[in-house]
Amino acid sequence: MTHHALTPARLLPWASPEGKHCYLLTDGSGRLSRAADTVESIQLDMAGDLLAHLSDMLDDEHVTAVQLRYLLARMSEALTDVCRIAESRGARLRVYTDVKAGTDPDGTPSPDAGPS
């Protein structure tokens, strides 16, 4: 019997309407997977833009508390997105590393890894 490593569920870069994590079972080549890649790229770009804006605001002596609170709220959202992206990519990287090393995600030798 041939054993194939299971592709892990991908944590998507958006939440359900209830705020729960959304996952996708894929090999990474489908339309929804490409959409997730695009959303991640946009989210990372937006986080970078917010950081640049923060730098400008910190140099402005006339910035108001309301402006800073608004920016911090958007930065909190962006950081949540960035953390979700990091978690998703880290999980996929661990599985890739395990498969390349011939082990299952729990560290045990994969059945098709052959003798060690």
Protein backbone atom coordinates (compact mmCIF):
# COMPACT_ATOMS: atom_id res chain seq x y z
CA MET A 1 0.00 0.00 0.00
CA THR A 2 1.37 3.41 -0.97
CA HIS A 3 1.18 6.14 1.66
CA HIS A 4 0.93 9.73 0.49
CA ALA A 5 1.48 12.64 2.81
CA LEU A 6 -1.74 14.49 3.36
CA THR A 7 -1.76 18.10 2.34
CA PRO A 8 -2.58 20.06 5.48
CA ALA A 9 -5.58 22.33 5.65
CA ARG A 10 -4.50 25.85 4.72
CA LEU A 11 -5.51 28.59 7.11
CA LEU A 12 -7.10 31.22 4.89
CA PRO A 13 -6.37 34.95 5.31
CA TRP A 14 -9.95 35.78 6.25
CA ALA A 15 -12.37 34.77 8.97
CA SER A 16 -15.91 33.45 8.76
CA PRO A 17 -18.81 35.84 9.45
CA GLU A 18 -18.70 34.49 13.03
CA GLY A 19 -15.01 35.41 13.30
CA LYS A 20 -13.76 31.81 13.17
CA HIS A 21 -10.78 30.53 11.17
CA CYS A 22 -11.47 29.32 7.64
CA TYR A 23 -9.48 26.45 6.14
CA LEU A 24 -8.99 25.08 2.65
CA LEU A 25 -7.97 21.54 1.68
CA THR A 26 -5.92 21.98 -1.48
CA ASP A 27 -2.67 21.20 -3.22
CA GLY A 28 -2.16 24.95 -3.62
CA SER A 29 -3.01 25.16 -7.31
CA GLY A 30 -6.73 25.95 -7.32
CA ARG A 31 -8.62 29.18 -7.88
CA LEU A 32 -9.45 29.66 -4.19
CA SER A 33 -5.82 29.07 -3.24
CA ARG A 34 -4.71 31.74 -5.74
CA ALA A 35 -7.37 34.10 -4.34
CA ALA A 36 -5.98 33.51 -0.84
CA ASP A 37 -2.47 34.29 -2.11
CA THR A 38 -3.77 37.55 -3.59
CA VAL A 39 -5.57 38.52 -0.37
CA GLU A 40 -2.43 37.78 1.67
CA SER A 41 -0.37 39.99 -0.64
CA ILE A 42 -2.88 42.85 -0.32
CA GLN A 43 -3.01 42.47 3.46
CA LEU A 44 0.79 42.57 3.74
CA ASP A 45 0.96 45.64 1.48
CA MET A 46 -1.69 47.39 3.56
CA ALA A 47 0.21 46.64 6.77
CA GLY A 48 3.34 48.15 5.23
CA ASP A 49 1.40 51.24 4.15
CA LEU A 50 0.04 51.66 7.69
CA LEU A 51 3.56 51.47 9.12
CA ALA A 52 4.72 54.16 6.72
CA HIS A 53 1.72 56.30 7.65
CA LEU A 54 2.48 55.83 11.34
CA SER A 55 6.03 57.02 10.79
CA ASP A 56 4.71 60.17 9.13
CA MET A 57 2.19 60.77 11.90
CA LEU A 58 4.78 60.39 14.64
CA ASP A 59 6.83 63.15 12.99
CA ASP A 60 3.78 65.46 12.87
CA GLU A 61 3.47 67.64 15.98
CA HIS A 62 -0.14 68.48 15.11
CA VAL A 63 -1.52 64.94 14.94
CA THR A 64 -4.56 64.46 17.18
CA ALA A 65 -5.36 61.69 19.63
CA VAL A 66 -8.39 60.80 17.48
CA GLN A 67 -6.15 60.36 14.42
CA LEU A 68 -3.72 58.19 16.35
CA ARG A 69 -6.51 56.04 17.82
CA TYR A 70 -7.98 55.53 14.35
CA LEU A 71 -4.58 54.51 12.96
CA LEU A 72 -3.96 52.17 15.89
CA ALA A 73 -7.32 50.48 15.30
CA ARG A 74 -6.39 49.88 11.63
CA MET A 75 -2.93 48.68 12.69
CA SER A 76 -4.53 46.23 15.11
CA GLU A 77 -6.59 44.80 12.25
CA ALA A 78 -3.51 44.63 10.03
CA LEU A 79 -1.45 42.91 12.73
CA THR A 80 -4.21 40.33 13.16
CA ASP A 81 -4.05 39.67 9.41
CA VAL A 82 -0.25 39.45 9.41
CA CYS A 83 -0.28 37.02 12.36
CA ARG A 84 -2.82 34.81 10.54
CA ILE A 85 -0.63 34.84 7.41
CA ALA A 86 2.45 33.93 9.46
CA GLU A 87 0.58 31.08 11.18
CA SER A 88 -0.67 29.75 7.85
CA ARG A 89 2.70 29.96 6.12
CA GLY A 90 4.51 28.49 9.12
CA ALA A 91 2.20 25.49 9.18
CA ARG A 92 2.71 24.88 5.46
CA LEU A 93 6.47 25.28 5.81
CA ARG A 94 6.60 22.72 8.67
CA VAL A 95 4.71 20.18 6.55
CA TYR A 96 6.97 20.83 3.57
CA THR A 97 10.04 20.36 5.78
CA ASP A 98 8.59 17.14 7.27
CA VAL A 99 7.81 15.70 3.83
CA LYS A 100 11.26 16.62 2.54
CA ALA A 101 12.82 14.93 5.60
CA GLY A 102 10.67 11.82 5.10
CA THR A 103 8.75 12.18 8.34
CA ASP A 104 5.13 12.66 9.21
CA PRO A 105 4.19 15.95 10.94
CA ASP A 106 4.55 14.23 14.35
CA GLY A 107 8.20 13.39 13.58
CA THR A 108 7.76 9.65 12.98
CA PRO A 109 9.25 8.17 9.80
CA SER A 110 6.83 8.27 6.89
CA PRO A 111 5.84 4.79 5.61
CA ASP A 112 7.26 5.58 2.14
CA ALA A 113 10.43 7.12 3.50
CA GLY A 114 12.26 3.82 3.16
CA PRO A 115 14.84 2.45 5.55
CA SER A 116 16.73 4.98 7.63
